[in-house]
Amino acid sequence: MSNKPTRNDALKDRLSRSSEIKITVTGRKSGRTISIPVWFVFDDDTLNLLPVQGSDTQWYKNVLKNPSMRIKAGSEEAEFKVVLLTDTKQVSLLSRNSAPSTGPAM
């Protein structure tokens, strides 16, 4: 068994030191890849993205169509399957307690 850090460890380390990441999604109509910066909350090995404009946010609509996302934090990047949080109580709690108050324009 190796104790060498994995690529996943490097990404987690970068996320713990960042406030913004770049996400890349597939356009739901165009099929093109679209990359944008977003603010996030990384807590307990869970990466939470809160769309600034709720379900009207374009990247959120794209993820509904194709639940795959590439994230890049500094020089580290990885592909993830998106799990949508739809319980209104959980979404409200996340937005109230841990989402940044400001972020990049969406």
C-alpha atoms as a PDB file:
ATOM      1  CA  MET A   1       0.000   0.000   0.000  1.00  0.00           C
ATOM      2  CA  SER A   2       1.326   3.434  -0.920  1.00  0.00           C
ATOM      3  CA  ASN A   3       1.168   6.574   1.217  1.00  0.00           C
ATOM      4  CA  LYS A   4       1.803   8.815  -1.783  1.00  0.00           C
ATOM      5  CA  PRO A   5      -0.804  11.567  -2.216  1.00  0.00           C
ATOM      6  CA  THR A   6      -3.319  10.830  -4.933  1.00  0.00           C
ATOM      7  CA  ARG A   7      -4.579  13.234  -7.567  1.00  0.00           C
ATOM      8  CA  ASN A   8      -7.824  13.359  -5.573  1.00  0.00           C
ATOM      9  CA  ASP A   9      -5.860  14.490  -2.492  1.00  0.00           C
ATOM     10  CA  ALA A  10      -4.260  17.281  -4.515  1.00  0.00           C
ATOM     11  CA  LEU A  11      -7.674  18.445  -5.731  1.00  0.00           C
ATOM     12  CA  LYS A  12      -9.107  18.377  -2.192  1.00  0.00           C
ATOM     13  CA  ASP A  13      -6.137  20.388  -0.965  1.00  0.00           C
ATOM     14  CA  ARG A  14      -6.624  22.962  -3.723  1.00  0.00           C
ATOM     15  CA  LEU A  15     -10.365  23.199  -2.997  1.00  0.00           C
ATOM     16  CA  SER A  16      -9.679  23.778   0.696  1.00  0.00           C
ATOM     17  CA  ARG A  17      -7.503  26.770  -0.224  1.00  0.00           C
ATOM     18  CA  SER A  18      -9.719  28.299  -2.927  1.00  0.00           C
ATOM     19  CA  SER A  19     -12.916  30.315  -3.035  1.00  0.00           C
ATOM     20  CA  GLU A  20     -13.530  30.054  -6.758  1.00  0.00           C
ATOM     21  CA  ILE A  21     -13.323  27.217  -9.263  1.00  0.00           C
ATOM     22  CA  LYS A  22     -13.913  26.929 -12.968  1.00  0.00           C
ATOM     23  CA  ILE A  23     -16.670  24.550 -14.013  1.00  0.00           C
ATOM     24  CA  THR A  24     -17.115  23.162 -17.491  1.00  0.00           C
ATOM     25  CA  VAL A  25     -20.510  21.875 -18.572  1.00  0.00           C
ATOM     26  CA  THR A  26     -22.050  20.807 -21.878  1.00  0.00           C
ATOM     27  CA  GLY A  27     -24.519  23.233 -23.422  1.00  0.00           C
ATOM     28  CA  ARG A  28     -27.988  21.701 -23.391  1.00  0.00           C
ATOM     29  CA  LYS A  29     -28.838  23.057 -26.871  1.00  0.00           C
ATOM     30  CA  SER A  30     -25.464  23.626 -28.544  1.00  0.00           C
ATOM     31  CA  GLY A  31     -23.625  20.579 -27.194  1.00  0.00           C
ATOM     32  CA  ARG A  32     -20.515  22.774 -26.822  1.00  0.00           C
ATOM     33  CA  THR A  33     -18.395  22.862 -23.704  1.00  0.00           C
ATOM     34  CA  ILE A  34     -18.886  25.998 -21.632  1.00  0.00           C
ATOM     35  CA  SER A  35     -16.507  27.064 -18.848  1.00  0.00           C
ATOM     36  CA  ILE A  36     -17.309  29.651 -16.187  1.00  0.00           C
ATOM     37  CA  PRO A  37     -15.942  30.637 -12.777  1.00  0.00           C
ATOM     38  CA  VAL A  38     -18.177  29.952  -9.779  1.00  0.00           C
ATOM     39  CA  TRP A  39     -17.961  30.291  -6.018  1.00  0.00           C
ATOM     40  CA  PHE A  40     -18.429  27.126  -4.015  1.00  0.00           C
ATOM     41  CA  VAL A  41     -18.538  25.617  -0.551  1.00  0.00           C
ATOM     42  CA  PHE A  42     -16.339  22.582   0.136  1.00  0.00           C
ATOM     43  CA  ASP A  43     -17.405  20.920   3.343  1.00  0.00           C
ATOM     44  CA  ASP A  44     -16.918  17.392   4.636  1.00  0.00           C
ATOM     45  CA  ASP A  45     -15.638  16.136   1.249  1.00  0.00           C
ATOM     46  CA  THR A  46     -18.724  17.536  -0.488  1.00  0.00           C
ATOM     47  CA  LEU A  47     -18.473  20.238  -3.136  1.00  0.00           C
ATOM     48  CA  ASN A  48     -21.592  22.422  -3.123  1.00  0.00           C
ATOM     49  CA  LEU A  49     -22.361  24.879  -5.903  1.00  0.00           C
ATOM     50  CA  LEU A  50     -25.253  27.226  -5.376  1.00  0.00           C
ATOM     51  CA  PRO A  51     -26.557  28.828  -8.596  1.00  0.00           C
ATOM     52  CA  VAL A  52     -26.708  32.585  -8.048  1.00  0.00           C
ATOM     53  CA  GLN A  53     -29.993  32.861  -9.956  1.00  0.00           C
ATOM     54  CA  GLY A  54     -31.403  29.568  -8.707  1.00  0.00           C
ATOM     55  CA  SER A  55     -32.871  27.265 -11.331  1.00  0.00           C
ATOM     56  CA  ASP A  56     -32.684  30.089 -13.920  1.00  0.00           C
ATOM     57  CA  THR A  57     -28.874  29.947 -13.916  1.00  0.00           C
ATOM     58  CA  GLN A  58     -27.695  28.721 -17.326  1.00  0.00           C
ATOM     59  CA  TRP A  59     -25.063  26.265 -16.073  1.00  0.00           C
ATOM     60  CA  TYR A  60     -27.698  24.723 -13.782  1.00  0.00           C
ATOM     61  CA  LYS A  61     -30.067  24.240 -16.730  1.00  0.00           C
ATOM     62  CA  ASN A  62     -27.210  22.623 -18.665  1.00  0.00           C
ATOM     63  CA  VAL A  63     -26.480  20.220 -15.798  1.00  0.00           C
ATOM     64  CA  LEU A  64     -30.146  19.196 -15.703  1.00  0.00           C
ATOM     65  CA  LYS A  65     -29.773  18.019 -19.304  1.00  0.00           C
ATOM     66  CA  ASN A  66     -26.290  16.482 -18.906  1.00  0.00           C
ATOM     67  CA  PRO A  67     -25.342  15.751 -15.252  1.00  0.00           C
ATOM     68  CA  SER A  68     -21.601  15.749 -15.839  1.00  0.00           C
ATOM     69  CA  MET A  69     -19.212  18.521 -14.881  1.00  0.00           C
ATOM     70  CA  ARG A  70     -15.495  19.149 -15.022  1.00  0.00           C
ATOM     71  CA  ILE A  71     -14.073  21.301 -12.271  1.00  0.00           C
ATOM     72  CA  LYS A  72     -10.719  23.030 -12.164  1.00  0.00           C
ATOM     73  CA  ALA A  73      -9.170  24.480  -9.019  1.00  0.00           C
ATOM     74  CA  GLY A  74      -5.775  25.970  -9.760  1.00  0.00           C
ATOM     75  CA  SER A  75      -3.839  23.357 -11.720  1.00  0.00           C
ATOM     76  CA  GLU A  76      -5.968  20.451 -10.488  1.00  0.00           C
ATOM     77  CA  GLU A  77      -9.034  19.241 -12.375  1.00  0.00           C
ATOM     78  CA  ALA A  78     -11.411  16.291 -12.461  1.00  0.00           C
ATOM     79  CA  GLU A  79     -14.692  15.126 -13.967  1.00  0.00           C
ATOM     80  CA  PHE A  80     -17.715  14.524 -11.753  1.00  0.00           C
ATOM     81  CA  LYS A  81     -21.245  13.241 -11.999  1.00  0.00           C
ATOM     82  CA  VAL A  82     -23.541  15.909 -10.603  1.00  0.00           C
ATOM     83  CA  VAL A  83     -26.003  15.063  -7.838  1.00  0.00           C
ATOM     84  CA  LEU A  84     -28.679  17.726  -7.613  1.00  0.00           C
ATOM     85  CA  LEU A  85     -29.871  18.857  -4.220  1.00  0.00           C
ATOM     86  CA  THR A  86     -33.613  19.433  -4.609  1.00  0.00           C
ATOM     87  CA  ASP A  87     -34.919  19.336  -1.037  1.00  0.00           C
ATOM     88  CA  THR A  88     -35.929  22.952  -0.368  1.00  0.00           C
ATOM     89  CA  LYS A  89     -35.001  22.768   3.317  1.00  0.00           C
ATOM     90  CA  GLN A  90     -31.477  21.558   2.528  1.00  0.00           C
ATOM     91  CA  VAL A  91     -31.026  24.159  -0.219  1.00  0.00           C
ATOM     92  CA  SER A  92     -32.234  26.918   2.087  1.00  0.00           C
ATOM     93  CA  LEU A  93     -29.915  25.779   4.873  1.00  0.00           C
ATOM     94  CA  LEU A  94     -26.937  25.654   2.510  1.00  0.00           C
ATOM     95  CA  SER A  95     -27.621  29.092   1.060  1.00  0.00           C
ATOM     96  CA  ARG A  96     -28.228  30.657   4.461  1.00  0.00           C
ATOM     97  CA  ASN A  97     -25.312  29.123   6.351  1.00  0.00           C
ATOM     98  CA  SER A  98     -22.449  28.526   4.002  1.00  0.00           C
ATOM     99  CA  ALA A  99     -22.773  30.213   0.626  1.00  0.00           C
ATOM    100  CA  PRO A 100     -20.583  33.232  -0.024  1.00  0.00           C
ATOM    101  CA  SER A 101     -22.443  36.534   0.080  1.00  0.00           C
ATOM    102  CA  THR A 102     -20.910  37.687  -3.196  1.00  0.00           C
ATOM    103  CA  GLY A 103     -19.341  36.000  -6.163  1.00  0.00           C
ATOM    104  CA  PRO A 104     -18.608  36.327  -9.847  1.00  0.00           C
ATOM    105  CA  ALA A 105     -21.388  37.500 -12.131  1.00  0.00           C
ATOM    106  CA  MET A 106     -23.308  34.666 -13.736  1.00  0.00           C
END
